[in-house]
Amino acid sequence: MVIPGYDPEDLNDRLEELLSERDRETYLTPEEQAQYEAGENLVDLLSTDDIRDLLDEERADT
């Protein structure tokens, strides 16, 4: 999934950082977790709403 205004690699790196602080099971199904562990990008696995939620939570924490 491409999100206008964001470099996919930078966004994926930031999502990895944010999810390392949270429970991945909240955002990823077991199948998605397996895909992630096999090398799939979080940008491709997370829904648009989940990505927005993670980024909004980050902004709220600052």
PDB file of N, CA and C in Angstrom:
ATOM      1  N   MET A   1       0.847  -1.162   0.000  1.00  0.00           N
ATOM      2  CA  MET A   1       0.000   0.000   0.000  1.00  0.00           C
ATOM      3  C   MET A   1       0.900   1.234   0.000  1.00  0.00           C
ATOM      4  N   VAL A   2       0.647   2.153  -0.898  1.00  0.00           N
ATOM      5  CA  VAL A   2       1.423   3.382  -0.974  1.00  0.00           C
ATOM      6  C   VAL A   2       0.631   4.493  -0.306  1.00  0.00           C
ATOM      7  N   ILE A   3       1.313   5.227   0.555  1.00  0.00           N
ATOM      8  CA  ILE A   3       0.680   6.357   1.234  1.00  0.00           C
ATOM      9  C   ILE A   3       1.339   7.626   0.708  1.00  0.00           C
ATOM     10  N   PRO A   4       0.561   8.503   0.053  1.00  0.00           N
ATOM     11  CA  PRO A   4       1.135   9.719  -0.519  1.00  0.00           C
ATOM     12  C   PRO A   4       1.887  10.538   0.524  1.00  0.00           C
ATOM     13  N   GLY A   5       3.056  11.032   0.130  1.00  0.00           N
ATOM     14  CA  GLY A   5       3.838  11.886   1.009  1.00  0.00           C
ATOM     15  C   GLY A   5       4.825  11.159   1.899  1.00  0.00           C
ATOM     16  N   TYR A   6       4.860   9.835   1.815  1.00  0.00           N
ATOM     17  CA  TYR A   6       5.772   9.056   2.645  1.00  0.00           C
ATOM     18  C   TYR A   6       6.641   8.165   1.776  1.00  0.00           C
ATOM     19  N   ASP A   7       7.922   8.097   2.096  1.00  0.00           N
ATOM     20  CA  ASP A   7       8.806   7.132   1.460  1.00  0.00           C
ATOM     21  C   ASP A   7       8.497   5.769   2.078  1.00  0.00           C
ATOM     22  N   PRO A   8       8.138   4.774   1.277  1.00  0.00           N
ATOM     23  CA  PRO A   8       7.749   3.469   1.833  1.00  0.00           C
ATOM     24  C   PRO A   8       8.798   2.846   2.752  1.00  0.00           C
ATOM     25  N   GLU A   9      10.069   2.965   2.424  1.00  0.00           N
ATOM     26  CA  GLU A   9      11.112   2.377   3.278  1.00  0.00           C
ATOM     27  C   GLU A   9      11.212   3.103   4.612  1.00  0.00           C
ATOM     28  N   ASP A  10      11.146   4.436   4.585  1.00  0.00           N
ATOM     29  CA  ASP A  10      11.180   5.205   5.832  1.00  0.00           C
ATOM     30  C   ASP A  10       9.962   4.894   6.692  1.00  0.00           C
ATOM     31  N   LEU A  11       8.813   4.807   6.046  1.00  0.00           N
ATOM     32  CA  LEU A  11       7.587   4.498   6.775  1.00  0.00           C
ATOM     33  C   LEU A  11       7.664   3.107   7.378  1.00  0.00           C
ATOM     34  N   ASN A  12       8.157   2.141   6.622  1.00  0.00           N
ATOM     35  CA  ASN A  12       8.286   0.779   7.138  1.00  0.00           C
ATOM     36  C   ASN A  12       9.228   0.743   8.341  1.00  0.00           C
ATOM     37  N   ASP A  13      10.353   1.446   8.247  1.00  0.00           N
ATOM     38  CA  ASP A  13      11.300   1.497   9.371  1.00  0.00           C
ATOM     39  C   ASP A  13      10.638   2.092  10.615  1.00  0.00           C
ATOM     40  N   ARG A  14       9.879   3.168  10.423  1.00  0.00           N
ATOM     41  CA  ARG A  14       9.224   3.811  11.571  1.00  0.00           C
ATOM     42  C   ARG A  14       8.150   2.910  12.166  1.00  0.00           C
ATOM     43  N   LEU A  15       7.393   2.224  11.324  1.00  0.00           N
ATOM     44  CA  LEU A  15       6.373   1.299  11.819  1.00  0.00           C
ATOM     45  C   LEU A  15       7.009   0.166  12.612  1.00  0.00           C
ATOM     46  N   GLU A  16       8.162  -0.314  12.157  1.00  0.00           N
ATOM     47  CA  GLU A  16       8.867  -1.365  12.903  1.00  0.00           C
ATOM     48  C   GLU A  16       9.257  -0.866  14.288  1.00  0.00           C
ATOM     49  N   GLU A  17       9.735   0.366  14.367  1.00  0.00           N
ATOM     50  CA  GLU A  17      10.099   0.947  15.665  1.00  0.00           C
ATOM     51  C   GLU A  17       8.876   1.066  16.569  1.00  0.00           C
ATOM     52  N   LEU A  18       7.781   1.555  16.021  1.00  0.00           N
ATOM     53  CA  LEU A  18       6.566   1.734  16.818  1.00  0.00           C
ATOM     54  C   LEU A  18       6.002   0.403  17.282  1.00  0.00           C
ATOM     55  N   LEU A  19       6.027  -0.597  16.425  1.00  0.00           N
ATOM     56  CA  LEU A  19       5.479  -1.897  16.805  1.00  0.00           C
ATOM     57  C   LEU A  19       6.392  -2.638  17.764  1.00  0.00           C
ATOM     58  N   SER A  20       7.685  -2.328  17.759  1.00  0.00           N
ATOM     59  CA  SER A  20       8.574  -2.991  18.710  1.00  0.00           C
ATOM     60  C   SER A  20       8.229  -2.574  20.139  1.00  0.00           C
ATOM     61  N   GLU A  21       7.585  -1.411  20.262  1.00  0.00           N
ATOM     62  CA  GLU A  21       7.187  -0.911  21.573  1.00  0.00           C
ATOM     63  C   GLU A  21       5.803  -1.428  21.971  1.00  0.00           C
ATOM     64  N   ARG A  22       5.098  -2.024  21.059  1.00  0.00           N
ATOM     65  CA  ARG A  22       3.727  -2.484  21.299  1.00  0.00           C
ATOM     66  C   ARG A  22       3.616  -3.962  20.976  1.00  0.00           C
ATOM     67  N   ASP A  23       2.511  -4.528  21.336  1.00  0.00           N
ATOM     68  CA  ASP A  23       2.240  -5.929  21.058  1.00  0.00           C
ATOM     69  C   ASP A  23       1.851  -6.093  19.589  1.00  0.00           C
ATOM     70  N   ARG A  24       2.679  -6.791  18.824  1.00  0.00           N
ATOM     71  CA  ARG A  24       2.380  -6.995  17.404  1.00  0.00           C
ATOM     72  C   ARG A  24       1.069  -7.732  17.187  1.00  0.00           C
ATOM     73  N   GLU A  25       0.687  -8.562  18.148  1.00  0.00           N
ATOM     74  CA  GLU A  25      -0.558  -9.323  18.008  1.00  0.00           C
ATOM     75  C   GLU A  25      -1.776  -8.405  17.941  1.00  0.00           C
ATOM     76  N   THR A  26      -1.636  -7.192  18.446  1.00  0.00           N
ATOM     77  CA  THR A  26      -2.729  -6.228  18.385  1.00  0.00           C
ATOM     78  C   THR A  26      -2.993  -5.806  16.944  1.00  0.00           C
ATOM     79  N   TYR A  27      -1.947  -5.738  16.151  1.00  0.00           N
ATOM     80  CA  TYR A  27      -2.066  -5.216  14.795  1.00  0.00           C
ATOM     81  C   TYR A  27      -1.949  -6.274  13.703  1.00  0.00           C
ATOM     82  N   LEU A  28      -1.299  -7.405  13.995  1.00  0.00           N
ATOM     83  CA  LEU A  28      -1.077  -8.425  12.971  1.00  0.00           C
ATOM     84  C   LEU A  28      -1.727  -9.744  13.359  1.00  0.00           C
ATOM     85  N   THR A  29      -2.367 -10.372  12.389  1.00  0.00           N
ATOM     86  CA  THR A  29      -2.901 -11.717  12.602  1.00  0.00           C
ATOM     87  C   THR A  29      -1.722 -12.686  12.636  1.00  0.00           C
ATOM     88  N   PRO A  30      -1.922 -13.905  13.106  1.00  0.00           N
ATOM     89  CA  PRO A  30      -0.827 -14.887  13.076  1.00  0.00           C
ATOM     90  C   PRO A  30      -0.259 -15.088  11.664  1.00  0.00           C
ATOM     91  N   GLU A  31      -1.129 -15.091  10.663  1.00  0.00           N
ATOM     92  CA  GLU A  31      -0.661 -15.233   9.276  1.00  0.00           C
ATOM     93  C   GLU A  31       0.196 -14.040   8.861  1.00  0.00           C
ATOM     94  N   GLU A  32      -0.237 -12.836   9.216  1.00  0.00           N
ATOM     95  CA  GLU A  32       0.530 -11.633   8.894  1.00  0.00           C
ATOM     96  C   GLU A  32       1.856 -11.613   9.644  1.00  0.00           C
ATOM     97  N   GLN A  33       1.861 -12.076  10.888  1.00  0.00           N
ATOM     98  CA  GLN A  33       3.110 -12.147  11.642  1.00  0.00           C
ATOM     99  C   GLN A  33       4.098 -13.079  10.947  1.00  0.00           C
ATOM    100  N   ALA A  34       3.610 -14.200  10.446  1.00  0.00           N
ATOM    101  CA  ALA A  34       4.475 -15.142   9.723  1.00  0.00           C
ATOM    102  C   ALA A  34       5.011 -14.499   8.449  1.00  0.00           C
ATOM    103  N   GLN A  35       4.161 -13.754   7.748  1.00  0.00           N
ATOM    104  CA  GLN A  35       4.609 -13.061   6.539  1.00  0.00           C
ATOM    105  C   GLN A  35       5.664 -12.011   6.885  1.00  0.00           C
ATOM    106  N   TYR A  36       5.451 -11.289   7.979  1.00  0.00           N
ATOM    107  CA  TYR A  36       6.411 -10.277   8.422  1.00  0.00           C
ATOM    108  C   TYR A  36       7.754 -10.924   8.751  1.00  0.00           C
ATOM    109  N   GLU A  37       7.707 -12.026   9.474  1.00  0.00           N
ATOM    110  CA  GLU A  37       8.938 -12.730   9.834  1.00  0.00           C
ATOM    111  C   GLU A  37       9.640 -13.302   8.607  1.00  0.00           C
ATOM    112  N   ALA A  38       8.882 -13.530   7.530  1.00  0.00           N
ATOM    113  CA  ALA A  38       9.459 -14.028   6.278  1.00  0.00           C
ATOM    114  C   ALA A  38       9.994 -12.894   5.404  1.00  0.00           C
ATOM    115  N   GLY A  39       9.842 -11.632   5.871  1.00  0.00           N
ATOM    116  CA  GLY A  39      10.429 -10.513   5.153  1.00  0.00           C
ATOM    117  C   GLY A  39       9.459  -9.536   4.528  1.00  0.00           C
ATOM    118  N   GLU A  40       8.172  -9.764   4.682  1.00  0.00           N
ATOM    119  CA  GLU A  40       7.165  -8.848   4.134  1.00  0.00           C
ATOM    120  C   GLU A  40       7.213  -7.524   4.894  1.00  0.00           C
ATOM    121  N   ASN A  41       6.972  -6.416   4.193  1.00  0.00           N
ATOM    122  CA  ASN A  41       6.981  -5.095   4.813  1.00  0.00           C
ATOM    123  C   ASN A  41       5.704  -4.845   5.594  1.00  0.00           C
ATOM    124  N   LEU A  42       5.840  -4.151   6.710  1.00  0.00           N
ATOM    125  CA  LEU A  42       4.666  -3.786   7.502  1.00  0.00           C
ATOM    126  C   LEU A  42       3.720  -2.890   6.717  1.00  0.00           C
ATOM    127  N   VAL A  43       4.265  -2.070   5.839  1.00  0.00           N
ATOM    128  CA  VAL A  43       3.436  -1.190   5.015  1.00  0.00           C
ATOM    129  C   VAL A  43       2.444  -2.014   4.198  1.00  0.00           C
ATOM    130  N   ASP A  44       2.863  -3.194   3.777  1.00  0.00           N
ATOM    131  CA  ASP A  44       1.993  -4.056   2.980  1.00  0.00           C
ATOM    132  C   ASP A  44       1.038  -4.886   3.836  1.00  0.00           C
ATOM    133  N   LEU A  45       1.373  -5.095   5.092  1.00  0.00           N
ATOM    134  CA  LEU A  45       0.568  -5.960   5.955  1.00  0.00           C
ATOM    135  C   LEU A  45      -0.469  -5.204   6.777  1.00  0.00           C
ATOM    136  N   LEU A  46      -0.132  -4.016   7.213  1.00  0.00           N
ATOM    137  CA  LEU A  46      -1.042  -3.244   8.060  1.00  0.00           C
ATOM    138  C   LEU A  46      -2.097  -2.540   7.213  1.00  0.00           C
ATOM    139  N   SER A  47      -3.268  -2.383   7.786  1.00  0.00           N
ATOM    140  CA  SER A  47      -4.319  -1.629   7.101  1.00  0.00           C
ATOM    141  C   SER A  47      -3.984  -0.135   7.174  1.00  0.00           C
ATOM    142  N   THR A  48      -4.613   0.621   6.306  1.00  0.00           N
ATOM    143  CA  THR A  48      -4.422   2.070   6.322  1.00  0.00           C
ATOM    144  C   THR A  48      -4.800   2.644   7.682  1.00  0.00           C
ATOM    145  N   ASP A  49      -5.893   2.150   8.254  1.00  0.00           N
ATOM    146  CA  ASP A  49      -6.330   2.630   9.569  1.00  0.00           C
ATOM    147  C   ASP A  49      -5.309   2.314  10.655  1.00  0.00           C
ATOM    148  N   ASP A  50      -4.715   1.118  10.612  1.00  0.00           N
ATOM    149  CA  ASP A  50      -3.699   0.756  11.607  1.00  0.00           C
ATOM    150  C   ASP A  50      -2.475   1.654  11.491  1.00  0.00           C
ATOM    151  N   ILE A  51      -2.063   1.939  10.272  1.00  0.00           N
ATOM    152  CA  ILE A  51      -0.905   2.820  10.067  1.00  0.00           C
ATOM    153  C   ILE A  51      -1.214   4.204  10.619  1.00  0.00           C
ATOM    154  N   ARG A  52      -2.384   4.714  10.312  1.00  0.00           N
ATOM    155  CA  ARG A  52      -2.776   6.036  10.838  1.00  0.00           C
ATOM    156  C   ARG A  52      -2.816   6.023  12.360  1.00  0.00           C
ATOM    157  N   ASP A  53      -3.387   4.971  12.934  1.00  0.00           N
ATOM    158  CA  ASP A  53      -3.459   4.873  14.398  1.00  0.00           C
ATOM    159  C   ASP A  53      -2.072   4.900  15.026  1.00  0.00           C
ATOM    160  N   LEU A  54      -1.149   4.126  14.475  1.00  0.00           N
ATOM    161  CA  LEU A  54       0.209   4.081  15.018  1.00  0.00           C
ATOM    162  C   LEU A  54       0.885   5.441  14.923  1.00  0.00           C
ATOM    163  N   LEU A  55       0.758   6.102  13.776  1.00  0.00           N
ATOM    164  CA  LEU A  55       1.387   7.406  13.602  1.00  0.00           C
ATOM    165  C   LEU A  55       0.707   8.466  14.466  1.00  0.00           C
ATOM    166  N   ASP A  56      -0.614   8.379  14.616  1.00  0.00           N
ATOM    167  CA  ASP A  56      -1.327   9.325  15.485  1.00  0.00           C
ATOM    168  C   ASP A  56      -0.932   9.137  16.941  1.00  0.00           C
ATOM    169  N   GLU A  57      -0.778   7.891  17.380  1.00  0.00           N
ATOM    170  CA  GLU A  57      -0.348   7.620  18.756  1.00  0.00           C
ATOM    171  C   GLU A  57       1.043   8.190  18.994  1.00  0.00           C
ATOM    172  N   GLU A  58       1.892   8.078  17.980  1.00  0.00           N
ATOM    173  CA  GLU A  58       3.246   8.622  18.110  1.00  0.00           C
ATOM    174  C   GLU A  58       3.181  10.133  18.304  1.00  0.00           C
ATOM    175  N   ARG A  59       2.360  10.812  17.518  1.00  0.00           N
ATOM    176  CA  ARG A  59       2.230  12.264  17.643  1.00  0.00           C
ATOM    177  C   ARG A  59       1.666  12.653  19.006  1.00  0.00           C
ATOM    178  N   ALA A  60       0.741  11.877  19.505  1.00  0.00           N
ATOM    179  CA  ALA A  60       0.128  12.169  20.804  1.00  0.00           C
ATOM    180  C   ALA A  60       1.121  11.999  21.951  1.00  0.00           C
ATOM    181  N   ASP A  61       2.099  11.098  21.761  1.00  0.00           N
ATOM    182  CA  ASP A  61       3.101  10.847  22.799  1.00  0.00           C
ATOM    183  C   ASP A  61       4.140  11.951  22.888  1.00  0.00           C
ATOM    184  N   THR A  62       4.226  12.814  21.868  1.00  0.00           N
ATOM    185  CA  THR A  62       5.254  13.866  21.874  1.00  0.00           C
ATOM    186  C   THR A  62       4.723  15.160  22.407  1.00  0.00           C
TER     187      THR A  62
END
